[in-house]
Amino acid sequence: ESGTGKELVAAAIHNQSKRSSKKYVAFNCAGQSESLFEDQLFGHVRGAFTGADRDREGVFEYANGGTLFLDEIGDMPLTMQAKLLRVLETGDVVRLGQNNDRATDVRFVSATNQNLKALCENGEFREDLYFRINGAEINVPPLRQRREDIPLLVNHALGKFSVDMDRVRPTITEPAMLRLVAYDWPGNVRELMNVVQRMAVMTSGDVLDIAQVPDEIRSSDSDDSYSVGSLAGIGLDKLEKEAIRQTLAMTGGNREQTSNLLGIGERTLYRKLKEYGIK
């Protein structure tokens, strides 16, 4: 799905690699014209076309030694796919208006929200390029399927926005965090980041409480515990298991806080975790 945080994953790969001291460059393939596409990827030399009054390196050269992330690679035109395949196989780029190869060395990471296998079957994506880029695949599920990531993302966003706004990093209360964890986030990480930024901007204090959570999220019935109709026919054991799982996610795995929020003792929580196979 769109907005699941694929670029965050790509940046994390770069930051944890031996190339972390070098550049991380992200480029979105969606909505690019073919002529602009080639220029952006491979660059040009002076006089290559009208208005090219100086040499310009493309993103492959700019990211040399580091990591290049191409987002929405499924939107790349077929003619550009052939040129990209050559660069990935040789490491050499040719600027527009020039014949000489220029050697590059980048870690290449790509992402898409499309089914590349289906595109290959329909002749919309080169099969040889698909096999070339499919060395290691990471599936980034929608945020509603990995609610345990929400507290981490919220705290990351609060730290980032606090630096951007040059203010003290606010804390967030447990009820507010629980409401964020319970929401389904149809816009995924992108929507979550925007909501956290709005909450941080709209408060003048240093604590974010349930009052700062936007109305559309506070009034959402996405969480089963707030929707009577959605509870019909669901076994109590399943409801209890889900309540424990989501509360653990909200507290970042803190079992003492989880037991307090659920109103049960820690020994009871440990027994339930073992019973339901929750780790």
C-alpha atoms as a PDB file:
ATOM      1  CA  GLU A   1       0.000   0.000   0.000  1.00  0.00           C
ATOM      2  CA  SER A   2       0.992   3.614  -0.412  1.00  0.00           C
ATOM      3  CA  GLY A   3       2.494   5.466   2.541  1.00  0.00           C
ATOM      4  CA  THR A   4       3.594   2.409   4.515  1.00  0.00           C
ATOM      5  CA  GLY A   5       7.050   3.823   5.194  1.00  0.00           C
ATOM      6  CA  LYS A   6       9.108   2.209   2.449  1.00  0.00           C
ATOM      7  CA  GLU A   7      11.489   5.165   2.347  1.00  0.00           C
ATOM      8  CA  LEU A   8      12.007   4.911   6.123  1.00  0.00           C
ATOM      9  CA  VAL A   9      13.002   1.268   5.632  1.00  0.00           C
ATOM     10  CA  ALA A  10      15.385   2.197   2.811  1.00  0.00           C
ATOM     11  CA  ALA A  11      16.959   4.924   4.961  1.00  0.00           C
ATOM     12  CA  ALA A  12      17.332   2.453   7.843  1.00  0.00           C
ATOM     13  CA  ILE A  13      19.112  -0.001   5.532  1.00  0.00           C
ATOM     14  CA  HIS A  14      21.528   2.761   4.568  1.00  0.00           C
ATOM     15  CA  ASN A  15      22.079   3.964   8.139  1.00  0.00           C
ATOM     16  CA  GLN A  16      22.896   0.443   9.345  1.00  0.00           C
ATOM     17  CA  SER A  17      25.266  -0.312   6.459  1.00  0.00           C
ATOM     18  CA  LYS A  18      28.989   0.293   5.927  1.00  0.00           C
ATOM     19  CA  ARG A  19      27.959   3.085   3.539  1.00  0.00           C
ATOM     20  CA  SER A  20      26.241   5.107   6.270  1.00  0.00           C
ATOM     21  CA  SER A  21      28.901   7.830   6.181  1.00  0.00           C
ATOM     22  CA  LYS A  22      28.187   8.394   2.486  1.00  0.00           C
ATOM     23  CA  LYS A  23      25.157   9.932   0.796  1.00  0.00           C
ATOM     24  CA  TYR A  24      21.635   8.526   0.863  1.00  0.00           C
ATOM     25  CA  VAL A  25      19.708   9.707  -2.197  1.00  0.00           C
ATOM     26  CA  ALA A  26      15.987   9.087  -2.786  1.00  0.00           C
ATOM     27  CA  PHE A  27      14.298   9.530  -6.172  1.00  0.00           C
ATOM     28  CA  ASN A  28      10.609   9.002  -6.996  1.00  0.00           C
ATOM     29  CA  CYS A  29       9.947   7.436 -10.398  1.00  0.00           C
ATOM     30  CA  ALA A  30       6.252   8.348 -10.497  1.00  0.00           C
ATOM     31  CA  GLY A  31       5.075  11.084 -12.842  1.00  0.00           C
ATOM     32  CA  GLN A  32       8.418  11.624 -14.598  1.00  0.00           C
ATOM     33  CA  SER A  33       8.617  12.230 -18.351  1.00  0.00           C
ATOM     34  CA  GLU A  34      11.038   9.959 -20.173  1.00  0.00           C
ATOM     35  CA  SER A  35      13.422  12.747 -21.226  1.00  0.00           C
ATOM     36  CA  LEU A  36      13.545  14.199 -17.730  1.00  0.00           C
ATOM     37  CA  PHE A  37      13.876  10.708 -16.284  1.00  0.00           C
ATOM     38  CA  GLU A  38      17.121   9.957 -18.120  1.00  0.00           C
ATOM     39  CA  ASP A  39      18.575  13.340 -17.205  1.00  0.00           C
ATOM     40  CA  GLN A  40      17.690  12.900 -13.529  1.00  0.00           C
ATOM     41  CA  LEU A  41      19.189   9.403 -13.347  1.00  0.00           C
ATOM     42  CA  PHE A  42      22.291   9.762 -15.503  1.00  0.00           C
ATOM     43  CA  GLY A  43      22.912  13.517 -15.853  1.00  0.00           C
ATOM     44  CA  HIS A  44      24.033  15.514 -18.910  1.00  0.00           C
ATOM     45  CA  VAL A  45      26.974  17.443 -20.305  1.00  0.00           C
ATOM     46  CA  ARG A  46      26.984  21.050 -21.398  1.00  0.00           C
ATOM     47  CA  GLY A  47      25.240  21.526 -24.758  1.00  0.00           C
ATOM     48  CA  ALA A  48      23.366  18.200 -24.592  1.00  0.00           C
ATOM     49  CA  PHE A  49      20.081  20.067 -25.175  1.00  0.00           C
ATOM     50  CA  THR A  50      18.702  23.577 -25.192  1.00  0.00           C
ATOM     51  CA  GLY A  51      19.284  25.137 -21.797  1.00  0.00           C
ATOM     52  CA  ALA A  52      22.058  22.713 -20.779  1.00  0.00           C
ATOM     53  CA  ASP A  53      24.607  25.445 -20.064  1.00  0.00           C
ATOM     54  CA  ARG A  54      26.731  23.317 -17.726  1.00  0.00           C
ATOM     55  CA  ASP A  55      27.523  19.718 -16.845  1.00  0.00           C
ATOM     56  CA  ARG A  56      25.184  18.071 -14.364  1.00  0.00           C
ATOM     57  CA  GLU A  57      25.566  14.733 -12.611  1.00  0.00           C
ATOM     58  CA  GLY A  58      22.588  12.405 -12.219  1.00  0.00           C
ATOM     59  CA  VAL A  59      21.497  10.684  -9.023  1.00  0.00           C
ATOM     60  CA  PHE A  60      23.681   7.626  -9.689  1.00  0.00           C
ATOM     61  CA  GLU A  61      26.831   9.756  -9.708  1.00  0.00           C
ATOM     62  CA  TYR A  62      25.560  11.967  -6.882  1.00  0.00           C
ATOM     63  CA  ALA A  63      25.007   8.905  -4.668  1.00  0.00           C
ATOM     64  CA  ASN A  64      28.376   7.370  -5.580  1.00  0.00           C
ATOM     65  CA  GLY A  65      29.728   5.370  -2.639  1.00  0.00           C
ATOM     66  CA  GLY A  66      26.381   5.556  -0.828  1.00  0.00           C
ATOM     67  CA  THR A  67      22.817   4.353  -1.328  1.00  0.00           C
ATOM     68  CA  LEU A  68      20.365   5.190  -4.114  1.00  0.00           C
ATOM     69  CA  PHE A  69      16.683   4.563  -3.416  1.00  0.00           C
ATOM     70  CA  LEU A  70      14.282   4.514  -6.375  1.00  0.00           C
ATOM     71  CA  ASP A  71      10.687   4.684  -5.152  1.00  0.00           C
ATOM     72  CA  GLU A  72       7.724   3.550  -7.294  1.00  0.00           C
ATOM     73  CA  ILE A  73      10.003   1.740  -9.745  1.00  0.00           C
ATOM     74  CA  GLY A  74       6.931   0.084 -11.241  1.00  0.00           C
ATOM     75  CA  ASP A  75       6.059   3.435 -12.856  1.00  0.00           C
ATOM     76  CA  MET A  76       9.318   3.591 -14.840  1.00  0.00           C
ATOM     77  CA  PRO A  77       8.857   3.652 -18.659  1.00  0.00           C
ATOM     78  CA  LEU A  78       9.950   0.480 -20.474  1.00  0.00           C
ATOM     79  CA  THR A  79      12.689   2.236 -22.455  1.00  0.00           C
ATOM     80  CA  MET A  80      14.210   3.561 -19.232  1.00  0.00           C
ATOM     81  CA  GLN A  81      14.008   0.107 -17.669  1.00  0.00           C
ATOM     82  CA  ALA A  82      16.433  -1.215 -20.304  1.00  0.00           C
ATOM     83  CA  LYS A  83      18.894   1.598 -19.569  1.00  0.00           C
ATOM     84  CA  LEU A  84      18.580   1.084 -15.818  1.00  0.00           C
ATOM     85  CA  LEU A  85      19.258  -2.649 -16.242  1.00  0.00           C
ATOM     86  CA  ARG A  86      22.505  -1.906 -18.067  1.00  0.00           C
ATOM     87  CA  VAL A  87      23.672   0.442 -15.306  1.00  0.00           C
ATOM     88  CA  LEU A  88      22.835  -2.083 -12.595  1.00  0.00           C
ATOM     89  CA  GLU A  89      24.771  -4.788 -14.424  1.00  0.00           C
ATOM     90  CA  THR A  90      27.865  -2.722 -15.302  1.00  0.00           C
ATOM     91  CA  GLY A  91      27.861   0.102 -12.749  1.00  0.00           C
ATOM     92  CA  ASP A  92      28.580   2.550 -15.581  1.00  0.00           C
ATOM     93  CA  VAL A  93      26.401   5.535 -16.560  1.00  0.00           C
ATOM     94  CA  VAL A  94      26.477   7.628 -19.716  1.00  0.00           C
ATOM     95  CA  ARG A  95      25.452  11.256 -19.402  1.00  0.00           C
ATOM     96  CA  LEU A  96      23.159  12.747 -22.034  1.00  0.00           C
ATOM     97  CA  GLY A  97      25.247  14.223 -24.846  1.00  0.00           C
ATOM     98  CA  GLN A  98      28.305  12.118 -24.059  1.00  0.00           C
ATOM     99  CA  ASN A  99      29.621   8.735 -25.212  1.00  0.00           C
ATOM    100  CA  ASN A 100      32.072   7.957 -22.408  1.00  0.00           C
ATOM    101  CA  ASP A 101      31.073   5.721 -19.511  1.00  0.00           C
ATOM    102  CA  ARG A 102      31.394   6.957 -15.944  1.00  0.00           C
ATOM    103  CA  ALA A 103      31.897   4.355 -13.226  1.00  0.00           C
ATOM    104  CA  THR A 104      29.601   4.460 -10.203  1.00  0.00           C
ATOM    105  CA  ASP A 105      29.325   2.397  -7.029  1.00  0.00           C
ATOM    106  CA  VAL A 106      25.991   2.559  -5.210  1.00  0.00           C
ATOM    107  CA  ARG A 107      23.870   0.302  -3.079  1.00  0.00           C
ATOM    108  CA  PHE A 108      20.643   0.139  -5.046  1.00  0.00           C
ATOM    109  CA  VAL A 109      17.314  -0.086  -3.212  1.00  0.00           C
ATOM    110  CA  SER A 110      13.936   0.107  -4.950  1.00  0.00           C
ATOM    111  CA  ALA A 111      10.299   0.019  -3.870  1.00  0.00           C
ATOM    112  CA  THR A 112       6.827  -0.148  -5.378  1.00  0.00           C
ATOM    113  CA  ASN A 113       3.212  -0.481  -4.307  1.00  0.00           C
ATOM    114  CA  GLN A 114       2.422  -2.451  -7.459  1.00  0.00           C
ATOM    115  CA  ASN A 115       2.622  -6.167  -8.256  1.00  0.00           C
ATOM    116  CA  LEU A 116       5.732  -6.346 -10.431  1.00  0.00           C
ATOM    117  CA  LYS A 117       5.089  -9.991 -11.376  1.00  0.00           C
ATOM    118  CA  ALA A 118       1.702  -9.013 -12.773  1.00  0.00           C
ATOM    119  CA  LEU A 119       3.270  -6.079 -14.625  1.00  0.00           C
ATOM    120  CA  CYS A 120       5.811  -8.473 -16.151  1.00  0.00           C
ATOM    121  CA  GLU A 121       3.025 -10.790 -17.310  1.00  0.00           C
ATOM    122  CA  ASN A 122       1.260  -7.816 -18.911  1.00  0.00           C
ATOM    123  CA  GLY A 123       4.428  -6.661 -20.633  1.00  0.00           C
ATOM    124  CA  GLU A 124       4.594  -3.455 -18.589  1.00  0.00           C
ATOM    125  CA  PHE A 125       7.775  -4.314 -16.692  1.00  0.00           C
ATOM    126  CA  ARG A 126      10.894  -6.045 -17.976  1.00  0.00           C
ATOM    127  CA  GLU A 127      11.272  -9.535 -16.564  1.00  0.00           C
ATOM    128  CA  ASP A 128      15.096  -9.360 -16.702  1.00  0.00           C
ATOM    129  CA  LEU A 129      15.044  -6.141 -14.660  1.00  0.00           C
ATOM    130  CA  TYR A 130      12.623  -7.722 -12.188  1.00  0.00           C
ATOM    131  CA  PHE A 131      14.992 -10.642 -11.608  1.00  0.00           C
ATOM    132  CA  ARG A 132      17.938  -8.232 -11.337  1.00  0.00           C
ATOM    133  CA  ILE A 133      16.399  -6.078  -8.585  1.00  0.00           C
ATOM    134  CA  ASN A 134      14.700  -8.899  -6.691  1.00  0.00           C
ATOM    135  CA  GLY A 135      17.795  -9.993  -4.786  1.00  0.00           C
ATOM    136  CA  ALA A 136      16.348  -9.464  -1.305  1.00  0.00           C
ATOM    137  CA  GLU A 137      12.672  -8.583  -0.866  1.00  0.00           C
ATOM    138  CA  ILE A 138      11.165  -6.856   2.162  1.00  0.00           C
ATOM    139  CA  ASN A 139       7.399  -6.674   2.406  1.00  0.00           C
ATOM    140  CA  VAL A 140       6.252  -3.569   4.293  1.00  0.00           C
ATOM    141  CA  PRO A 141       2.690  -4.310   5.478  1.00  0.00           C
ATOM    142  CA  PRO A 142       0.126  -1.586   6.168  1.00  0.00           C
ATOM    143  CA  LEU A 143       0.374   0.088   9.553  1.00  0.00           C
ATOM    144  CA  ARG A 144      -2.850  -1.506  10.840  1.00  0.00           C
ATOM    145  CA  GLN A 145      -1.134  -4.904  10.569  1.00  0.00           C
ATOM    146  CA  ARG A 146       1.873  -3.821  12.650  1.00  0.00           C
ATOM    147  CA  ARG A 147       0.401  -1.669  15.381  1.00  0.00           C
ATOM    148  CA  GLU A 148       3.402  -2.395  17.612  1.00  0.00           C
ATOM    149  CA  ASP A 149       5.376   0.000  15.383  1.00  0.00           C
ATOM    150  CA  ILE A 150       3.068   2.951  16.093  1.00  0.00           C
ATOM    151  CA  PRO A 151       4.570   4.024  19.475  1.00  0.00           C
ATOM    152  CA  LEU A 152       8.063   3.872  17.942  1.00  0.00           C
ATOM    153  CA  LEU A 153       6.998   5.957  14.947  1.00  0.00           C
ATOM    154  CA  VAL A 154       5.165   8.481  17.137  1.00  0.00           C
ATOM    155  CA  ASN A 155       8.199   9.009  19.353  1.00  0.00           C
ATOM    156  CA  HIS A 156      10.473   9.251  16.324  1.00  0.00           C
ATOM    157  CA  ALA A 157       8.171  11.861  14.774  1.00  0.00           C
ATOM    158  CA  LEU A 158       7.949  13.901  17.989  1.00  0.00           C
ATOM    159  CA  GLY A 159      11.728  14.017  18.192  1.00  0.00           C
ATOM    160  CA  LYS A 160      12.052  15.066  14.556  1.00  0.00           C
ATOM    161  CA  PHE A 161       9.371  17.744  14.653  1.00  0.00           C
ATOM    162  CA  SER A 162      10.711  19.151  17.922  1.00  0.00           C
ATOM    163  CA  VAL A 163      14.080  19.706  16.278  1.00  0.00           C
ATOM    164  CA  ASP A 164      12.417  21.245  13.216  1.00  0.00           C
ATOM    165  CA  MET A 165      10.372  23.624  15.394  1.00  0.00           C
ATOM    166  CA  ASP A 166      13.254  24.314  17.818  1.00  0.00           C
ATOM    167  CA  ARG A 167      11.231  23.456  20.899  1.00  0.00           C
ATOM    168  CA  VAL A 168      11.283  20.989  23.784  1.00  0.00           C
ATOM    169  CA  ARG A 169      10.170  17.528  22.757  1.00  0.00           C
ATOM    170  CA  PRO A 170       6.659  16.928  24.135  1.00  0.00           C
ATOM    171  CA  THR A 171       5.652  13.682  25.812  1.00  0.00           C
ATOM    172  CA  ILE A 172       2.455  11.809  24.965  1.00  0.00           C
ATOM    173  CA  THR A 173       0.076  10.336  27.521  1.00  0.00           C
ATOM    174  CA  GLU A 174      -0.939   6.683  27.526  1.00  0.00           C
ATOM    175  CA  PRO A 175      -4.620   7.379  26.632  1.00  0.00           C
ATOM    176  CA  ALA A 176      -3.535   9.455  23.630  1.00  0.00           C
ATOM    177  CA  MET A 177      -1.070   6.797  22.490  1.00  0.00           C
ATOM    178  CA  LEU A 178      -3.684   4.074  22.936  1.00  0.00           C
ATOM    179  CA  ARG A 179      -6.075   5.989  20.682  1.00  0.00           C
ATOM    180  CA  LEU A 180      -3.376   6.300  18.010  1.00  0.00           C
ATOM    181  CA  VAL A 181      -2.576   2.595  18.269  1.00  0.00           C
ATOM    182  CA  ALA A 182      -6.266   1.683  17.932  1.00  0.00           C
ATOM    183  CA  TYR A 183      -6.810   3.710  14.741  1.00  0.00           C
ATOM    184  CA  ASP A 184      -6.580   1.851  11.407  1.00  0.00           C
ATOM    185  CA  TRP A 185      -4.493   4.501   9.545  1.00  0.00           C
ATOM    186  CA  PRO A 186      -5.751   4.099   5.967  1.00  0.00           C
ATOM    187  CA  GLY A 187      -3.009   6.544   4.926  1.00  0.00           C
ATOM    188  CA  ASN A 188      -0.437   4.457   6.803  1.00  0.00           C
ATOM    189  CA  VAL A 189       2.823   6.023   8.070  1.00  0.00           C
ATOM    190  CA  ARG A 190       2.377   9.146   5.943  1.00  0.00           C
ATOM    191  CA  GLU A 191      -0.952   9.875   7.642  1.00  0.00           C
ATOM    192  CA  LEU A 192       0.460   9.108  11.105  1.00  0.00           C
ATOM    193  CA  MET A 193       3.375  11.509  10.583  1.00  0.00           C
ATOM    194  CA  ASN A 194       0.987  14.288   9.513  1.00  0.00           C
ATOM    195  CA  VAL A 195      -1.266  13.724  12.527  1.00  0.00           C
ATOM    196  CA  VAL A 196       1.638  13.752  14.995  1.00  0.00           C
ATOM    197  CA  GLN A 197       2.964  16.936  13.413  1.00  0.00           C
ATOM    198  CA  ARG A 198      -0.470  18.556  13.694  1.00  0.00           C
ATOM    199  CA  MET A 199      -0.710  17.538  17.357  1.00  0.00           C
ATOM    200  CA  ALA A 200       2.738  18.952  18.085  1.00  0.00           C
ATOM    201  CA  VAL A 201       1.978  22.229  16.302  1.00  0.00           C
ATOM    202  CA  MET A 202      -1.420  22.744  17.925  1.00  0.00           C
ATOM    203  CA  THR A 203      -0.263  22.361  21.524  1.00  0.00           C
ATOM    204  CA  SER A 204       1.550  25.058  23.448  1.00  0.00           C
ATOM    205  CA  GLY A 205       2.490  22.760  26.323  1.00  0.00           C
ATOM    206  CA  ASP A 206       4.926  19.900  26.653  1.00  0.00           C
ATOM    207  CA  VAL A 207       2.364  17.099  27.022  1.00  0.00           C
ATOM    208  CA  LEU A 208       0.128  15.658  24.281  1.00  0.00           C
ATOM    209  CA  ASP A 209      -3.097  14.247  25.716  1.00  0.00           C
ATOM    210  CA  ILE A 210      -6.281  12.780  24.253  1.00  0.00           C
ATOM    211  CA  ALA A 211      -7.583  16.328  23.696  1.00  0.00           C
ATOM    212  CA  GLN A 212      -4.844  16.905  21.085  1.00  0.00           C
ATOM    213  CA  VAL A 213      -5.798  13.777  19.113  1.00  0.00           C
ATOM    214  CA  PRO A 214      -7.802  14.885  16.038  1.00  0.00           C
ATOM    215  CA  ASP A 215     -11.578  14.414  16.250  1.00  0.00           C
ATOM    216  CA  GLU A 216     -11.723  12.001  13.298  1.00  0.00           C
ATOM    217  CA  ILE A 217      -9.343   9.638  15.108  1.00  0.00           C
ATOM    218  CA  ARG A 218     -10.900   9.989  18.568  1.00  0.00           C
ATOM    219  CA  SER A 219     -14.355   9.275  17.149  1.00  0.00           C
ATOM    220  CA  SER A 220     -13.179   6.413  14.897  1.00  0.00           C
ATOM    221  CA  ASP A 221     -14.833   3.048  15.375  1.00  0.00           C
ATOM    222  CA  SER A 222     -11.886   1.168  13.857  1.00  0.00           C
ATOM    223  CA  ASP A 223     -11.009  -0.359  17.194  1.00  0.00           C
ATOM    224  CA  ASP A 224     -13.175  -3.378  18.098  1.00  0.00           C
ATOM    225  CA  SER A 225     -13.409  -2.216  21.687  1.00  0.00           C
ATOM    226  CA  TYR A 226     -15.317   0.877  20.504  1.00  0.00           C
ATOM    227  CA  SER A 227     -17.605  -0.846  18.007  1.00  0.00           C
ATOM    228  CA  VAL A 228     -20.430  -2.952  19.421  1.00  0.00           C
ATOM    229  CA  GLY A 229     -21.447  -4.466  16.101  1.00  0.00           C
ATOM    230  CA  SER A 230     -17.933  -5.645  15.368  1.00  0.00           C
ATOM    231  CA  LEU A 231     -17.883  -7.685  18.606  1.00  0.00           C
ATOM    232  CA  ALA A 232     -20.804  -9.917  17.670  1.00  0.00           C
ATOM    233  CA  GLY A 233     -19.795 -13.548  17.342  1.00  0.00           C
ATOM    234  CA  ILE A 234     -16.189 -13.038  18.426  1.00  0.00           C
ATOM    235  CA  GLY A 235     -14.994 -15.372  21.178  1.00  0.00           C
ATOM    236  CA  LEU A 236     -13.944 -13.813  24.476  1.00  0.00           C
ATOM    237  CA  ASP A 237     -10.547 -15.495  24.268  1.00  0.00           C
ATOM    238  CA  LYS A 238      -9.864 -13.789  20.926  1.00  0.00           C
ATOM    239  CA  LEU A 239     -10.932 -10.428  22.314  1.00  0.00           C
ATOM    240  CA  GLU A 240      -8.718 -10.887  25.361  1.00  0.00           C
ATOM    241  CA  LYS A 241      -5.753 -11.938  23.219  1.00  0.00           C
ATOM    242  CA  GLU A 242      -6.146  -8.909  20.953  1.00  0.00           C
ATOM    243  CA  ALA A 243      -6.505  -6.555  23.929  1.00  0.00           C
ATOM    244  CA  ILE A 244      -3.261  -7.884  25.415  1.00  0.00           C
ATOM    245  CA  ARG A 245      -1.458  -7.742  22.051  1.00  0.00           C
ATOM    246  CA  GLN A 246      -2.470  -4.147  21.330  1.00  0.00           C
ATOM    247  CA  THR A 247      -1.722  -2.944  24.858  1.00  0.00           C
ATOM    248  CA  LEU A 248       1.711  -4.543  24.725  1.00  0.00           C
ATOM    249  CA  ALA A 249       2.306  -2.764  21.416  1.00  0.00           C
ATOM    250  CA  MET A 250       1.164   0.543  22.863  1.00  0.00           C
ATOM    251  CA  THR A 251       3.536   0.236  25.862  1.00  0.00           C
ATOM    252  CA  GLY A 252       6.462  -0.876  23.700  1.00  0.00           C
ATOM    253  CA  GLY A 253       6.476  -4.308  25.337  1.00  0.00           C
ATOM    254  CA  ASN A 254       6.516  -3.018  28.927  1.00  0.00           C
ATOM    255  CA  ARG A 255       4.681  -5.746  30.822  1.00  0.00           C
ATOM    256  CA  GLU A 256       4.281  -3.783  34.044  1.00  0.00           C
ATOM    257  CA  GLN A 257       2.520  -0.931  32.231  1.00  0.00           C
ATOM    258  CA  THR A 258       0.489  -3.434  30.205  1.00  0.00           C
ATOM    259  CA  SER A 259      -0.813  -5.207  33.299  1.00  0.00           C
ATOM    260  CA  ASN A 260      -1.694  -1.859  34.929  1.00  0.00           C
ATOM    261  CA  LEU A 261      -3.629  -0.663  31.881  1.00  0.00           C
ATOM    262  CA  LEU A 262      -5.493  -3.963  31.597  1.00  0.00           C
ATOM    263  CA  GLY A 263      -6.250  -4.038  35.309  1.00  0.00           C
ATOM    264  CA  ILE A 264      -4.687  -7.439  35.920  1.00  0.00           C
ATOM    265  CA  GLY A 265      -1.699  -8.604  37.919  1.00  0.00           C
ATOM    266  CA  GLU A 266       1.677  -9.244  36.312  1.00  0.00           C
ATOM    267  CA  ARG A 267       1.501 -12.956  37.169  1.00  0.00           C
ATOM    268  CA  THR A 268      -1.866 -13.164  35.410  1.00  0.00           C
ATOM    269  CA  LEU A 269      -0.431 -11.340  32.393  1.00  0.00           C
ATOM    270  CA  TYR A 270       2.530 -13.736  32.173  1.00  0.00           C
ATOM    271  CA  ARG A 271       0.119 -16.677  32.301  1.00  0.00           C
ATOM    272  CA  LYS A 272      -2.026 -15.167  29.542  1.00  0.00           C
ATOM    273  CA  LEU A 273       1.024 -14.460  27.369  1.00  0.00           C
ATOM    274  CA  LYS A 274       2.068 -18.097  27.647  1.00  0.00           C
ATOM    275  CA  GLU A 275      -1.485 -19.320  27.086  1.00  0.00           C
ATOM    276  CA  TYR A 276      -1.958 -17.264  23.906  1.00  0.00           C
ATOM    277  CA  GLY A 277       1.582 -17.691  22.629  1.00  0.00           C
ATOM    278  CA  ILE A 278       2.266 -13.948  22.661  1.00  0.00           C
ATOM    279  CA  LYS A 279       5.931 -12.950  22.740  1.00  0.00           C
END
